Amino acid sequence: MKTEISTKNAPAAIGPYSQAIEVNGMIYTSGMIPINPQTGELVTGSVEEQARQALSNLKNLVEASGSSMDKVVKTVVFISDMEDFGKINAVYEEFFPSPYPARSCVEVARLPKDVAMEIEAVAIK
């Protein structure tokens, strides 16, 4: 059985998908991009500012599920320019305690709204 997870503290789903789903004590999030959930506006500042907003959205979603960032076991990070990896990685490290989750990071041709990054996660409850 799956349960939908939703919060106003992360960007609303704008299509036929859920912000996150819980199944058997596991939380699977959709990709979070740097949208300010209170205003609905895209954060268009530096790559660090975009990363911080996307990760804040992810944190809010994970916490709304009843989990926490220390229970995230896997992330997938999509970035539009691999040259930004170091900057994004430095912000990423602010959000996750050691031991860090397993992670994949890939450069993609384009992300929604032409943002610098998108991140999704799997967490235990």
C-alpha atoms as a PDB file:
ATOM      1  CA  MET A   1       0.000   0.000   0.000  1.00  0.00           C
ATOM      2  CA  LYS A   2       1.318   3.423  -0.846  1.00  0.00           C
ATOM      3  CA  THR A   3       0.598   6.694   0.904  1.00  0.00           C
ATOM      4  CA  GLU A   4       0.958  10.147  -0.625  1.00  0.00           C
ATOM      5  CA  ILE A   5       3.145  12.654   1.222  1.00  0.00           C
ATOM      6  CA  SER A   6       2.393  16.325   0.659  1.00  0.00           C
ATOM      7  CA  THR A   7       3.492  19.590   2.248  1.00  0.00           C
ATOM      8  CA  LYS A   8       3.063  23.284   1.545  1.00  0.00           C
ATOM      9  CA  ASN A   9       6.740  23.699   2.521  1.00  0.00           C
ATOM     10  CA  ALA A  10       7.922  22.240  -0.781  1.00  0.00           C
ATOM     11  CA  PRO A  11       6.858  23.072  -4.328  1.00  0.00           C
ATOM     12  CA  ALA A  12       3.453  21.642  -5.221  1.00  0.00           C
ATOM     13  CA  ALA A  13       3.214  18.924  -7.831  1.00  0.00           C
ATOM     14  CA  ILE A  14       2.303  20.503 -11.169  1.00  0.00           C
ATOM     15  CA  GLY A  15       1.439  17.322 -13.019  1.00  0.00           C
ATOM     16  CA  PRO A  16       0.259  13.765 -12.478  1.00  0.00           C
ATOM     17  CA  TYR A  17       2.741  12.930  -9.721  1.00  0.00           C
ATOM     18  CA  SER A  18       3.069  13.199  -5.934  1.00  0.00           C
ATOM     19  CA  GLN A  19       5.638  15.180  -3.990  1.00  0.00           C
ATOM     20  CA  ALA A  20       6.549  11.914  -2.272  1.00  0.00           C
ATOM     21  CA  ILE A  21       5.223   8.416  -1.673  1.00  0.00           C
ATOM     22  CA  GLU A  22       5.640   6.186   1.368  1.00  0.00           C
ATOM     23  CA  VAL A  23       5.702   2.404   0.904  1.00  0.00           C
ATOM     24  CA  ASN A  24       6.624  -0.056   3.676  1.00  0.00           C
ATOM     25  CA  GLY A  25       8.399   2.590   5.753  1.00  0.00           C
ATOM     26  CA  MET A  26      10.391   3.926   2.783  1.00  0.00           C
ATOM     27  CA  ILE A  27       9.961   7.477   1.479  1.00  0.00           C
ATOM     28  CA  TYR A  28      10.496   8.153  -2.243  1.00  0.00           C
ATOM     29  CA  THR A  29      10.563  11.823  -3.207  1.00  0.00           C
ATOM     30  CA  SER A  30      10.008  13.475  -6.530  1.00  0.00           C
ATOM     31  CA  GLY A  31      12.725  15.780  -7.785  1.00  0.00           C
ATOM     32  CA  MET A  32      12.984  19.076  -5.928  1.00  0.00           C
ATOM     33  CA  ILE A  33      14.062  22.194  -7.794  1.00  0.00           C
ATOM     34  CA  PRO A  34      14.794  25.694  -6.452  1.00  0.00           C
ATOM     35  CA  ILE A  35      11.268  27.047  -6.217  1.00  0.00           C
ATOM     36  CA  ASN A  36      10.313  29.037  -3.146  1.00  0.00           C
ATOM     37  CA  PRO A  37       7.207  27.156  -1.949  1.00  0.00           C
ATOM     38  CA  GLN A  38       5.734  30.223  -0.221  1.00  0.00           C
ATOM     39  CA  THR A  39       5.821  32.422  -3.332  1.00  0.00           C
ATOM     40  CA  GLY A  40       5.920  29.829  -6.107  1.00  0.00           C
ATOM     41  CA  GLU A  41       8.769  31.827  -7.614  1.00  0.00           C
ATOM     42  CA  LEU A  42      11.920  30.286  -9.022  1.00  0.00           C
ATOM     43  CA  VAL A  43      15.153  31.097  -7.180  1.00  0.00           C
ATOM     44  CA  THR A  44      17.408  32.340  -9.975  1.00  0.00           C
ATOM     45  CA  GLY A  45      20.482  33.458  -8.036  1.00  0.00           C
ATOM     46  CA  SER A  46      23.827  31.725  -7.881  1.00  0.00           C
ATOM     47  CA  VAL A  47      24.144  27.971  -8.214  1.00  0.00           C
ATOM     48  CA  GLU A  48      24.708  27.856  -4.443  1.00  0.00           C
ATOM     49  CA  GLU A  49      21.456  29.737  -3.796  1.00  0.00           C
ATOM     50  CA  GLN A  50      19.608  27.398  -6.140  1.00  0.00           C
ATOM     51  CA  ALA A  51      21.147  24.343  -4.460  1.00  0.00           C
ATOM     52  CA  ARG A  52      20.268  25.655  -1.004  1.00  0.00           C
ATOM     53  CA  GLN A  53      16.617  26.194  -1.998  1.00  0.00           C
ATOM     54  CA  ALA A  54      16.295  22.800  -3.695  1.00  0.00           C
ATOM     55  CA  LEU A  55      17.854  21.067  -0.680  1.00  0.00           C
ATOM     56  CA  SER A  56      15.649  23.054   1.730  1.00  0.00           C
ATOM     57  CA  ASN A  57      12.625  21.891  -0.251  1.00  0.00           C
ATOM     58  CA  LEU A  58      13.862  18.304  -0.032  1.00  0.00           C
ATOM     59  CA  LYS A  59      14.464  18.636   3.725  1.00  0.00           C
ATOM     60  CA  ASN A  60      10.960  20.039   4.264  1.00  0.00           C
ATOM     61  CA  LEU A  61       9.433  17.199   2.255  1.00  0.00           C
ATOM     62  CA  VAL A  62      11.433  14.500   4.044  1.00  0.00           C
ATOM     63  CA  GLU A  63      10.477  15.968   7.420  1.00  0.00           C
ATOM     64  CA  ALA A  64       6.788  16.199   6.390  1.00  0.00           C
ATOM     65  CA  SER A  65       6.931  12.448   5.791  1.00  0.00           C
ATOM     66  CA  GLY A  66       7.942  11.839   9.403  1.00  0.00           C
ATOM     67  CA  SER A  67      11.566  11.141   8.502  1.00  0.00           C
ATOM     68  CA  SER A  68      14.688  13.302   8.619  1.00  0.00           C
ATOM     69  CA  MET A  69      17.788  14.060   6.577  1.00  0.00           C
ATOM     70  CA  ASP A  70      19.887  11.666   8.658  1.00  0.00           C
ATOM     71  CA  LYS A  71      17.583   8.870   7.465  1.00  0.00           C
ATOM     72  CA  VAL A  72      18.080   9.591   3.772  1.00  0.00           C
ATOM     73  CA  VAL A  73      19.809   6.545   2.296  1.00  0.00           C
ATOM     74  CA  LYS A  74      20.099   7.519  -1.379  1.00  0.00           C
ATOM     75  CA  THR A  75      19.992  10.698  -3.454  1.00  0.00           C
ATOM     76  CA  VAL A  76      20.118  11.402  -7.142  1.00  0.00           C
ATOM     77  CA  VAL A  77      21.381  14.849  -8.125  1.00  0.00           C
ATOM     78  CA  PHE A  78      20.855  16.191 -11.613  1.00  0.00           C
ATOM     79  CA  ILE A  79      22.968  19.196 -12.578  1.00  0.00           C
ATOM     80  CA  SER A  80      23.002  21.239 -15.758  1.00  0.00           C
ATOM     81  CA  ASP A  81      26.758  21.907 -15.699  1.00  0.00           C
ATOM     82  CA  MET A  82      29.336  19.532 -14.198  1.00  0.00           C
ATOM     83  CA  GLU A  83      31.588  22.563 -13.641  1.00  0.00           C
ATOM     84  CA  ASP A  84      29.194  23.463 -10.785  1.00  0.00           C
ATOM     85  CA  PHE A  85      29.687  20.108  -9.031  1.00  0.00           C
ATOM     86  CA  GLY A  86      32.054  21.492  -6.353  1.00  0.00           C
ATOM     87  CA  LYS A  87      29.754  24.400  -5.470  1.00  0.00           C
ATOM     88  CA  ILE A  88      26.682  22.170  -5.299  1.00  0.00           C
ATOM     89  CA  ASN A  89      28.597  19.553  -3.309  1.00  0.00           C
ATOM     90  CA  ALA A  90      29.602  22.151  -0.687  1.00  0.00           C
ATOM     91  CA  VAL A  91      25.943  23.124  -0.140  1.00  0.00           C
ATOM     92  CA  TYR A  92      24.861  19.457  -0.211  1.00  0.00           C
ATOM     93  CA  GLU A  93      27.255  18.733   2.647  1.00  0.00           C
ATOM     94  CA  GLU A  94      25.463  21.340   4.817  1.00  0.00           C
ATOM     95  CA  PHE A  95      22.255  19.287   4.696  1.00  0.00           C
ATOM     96  CA  PHE A  96      23.442  15.723   5.293  1.00  0.00           C
ATOM     97  CA  PRO A  97      25.219  14.368   8.370  1.00  0.00           C
ATOM     98  CA  SER A  98      27.793  11.597   8.175  1.00  0.00           C
ATOM     99  CA  PRO A  99      27.464   8.821   7.229  1.00  0.00           C
ATOM    100  CA  TYR A 100      26.314  10.433   3.993  1.00  0.00           C
ATOM    101  CA  PRO A 101      23.669   8.834   1.828  1.00  0.00           C
ATOM    102  CA  ALA A 102      24.656   6.919  -1.281  1.00  0.00           C
ATOM    103  CA  ARG A 103      24.485   9.302  -4.239  1.00  0.00           C
ATOM    104  CA  SER A 104      24.455   9.499  -7.986  1.00  0.00           C
ATOM    105  CA  CYS A 105      25.172  12.807  -9.708  1.00  0.00           C
ATOM    106  CA  VAL A 106      24.696  13.283 -13.420  1.00  0.00           C
ATOM    107  CA  GLU A 107      24.921  16.181 -15.806  1.00  0.00           C
ATOM    108  CA  VAL A 108      21.811  16.511 -17.945  1.00  0.00           C
ATOM    109  CA  ALA A 109      21.061  18.533 -21.055  1.00  0.00           C
ATOM    110  CA  ARG A 110      18.217  20.459 -19.472  1.00  0.00           C
ATOM    111  CA  LEU A 111      16.191  20.623 -16.257  1.00  0.00           C
ATOM    112  CA  PRO A 112      12.678  21.982 -15.611  1.00  0.00           C
ATOM    113  CA  LYS A 113      12.568  25.772 -15.818  1.00  0.00           C
ATOM    114  CA  ASP A 114      16.273  25.692 -16.823  1.00  0.00           C
ATOM    115  CA  VAL A 115      17.414  25.420 -13.189  1.00  0.00           C
ATOM    116  CA  ALA A 116      20.981  24.502 -12.224  1.00  0.00           C
ATOM    117  CA  MET A 117      20.020  21.406 -10.214  1.00  0.00           C
ATOM    118  CA  GLU A 118      17.302  18.978  -9.170  1.00  0.00           C
ATOM    119  CA  ILE A 119      17.509  16.431  -6.355  1.00  0.00           C
ATOM    120  CA  GLU A 120      15.447  13.417  -5.346  1.00  0.00           C
ATOM    121  CA  ALA A 121      15.863  11.073  -2.391  1.00  0.00           C
ATOM    122  CA  VAL A 122      14.938   7.801  -0.755  1.00  0.00           C
ATOM    123  CA  ALA A 123      14.669   7.780   3.041  1.00  0.00           C
ATOM    124  CA  ILE A 124      13.649   5.376   5.773  1.00  0.00           C
ATOM    125  CA  LYS A 125      10.886   6.456   8.108  1.00  0.00           C
END
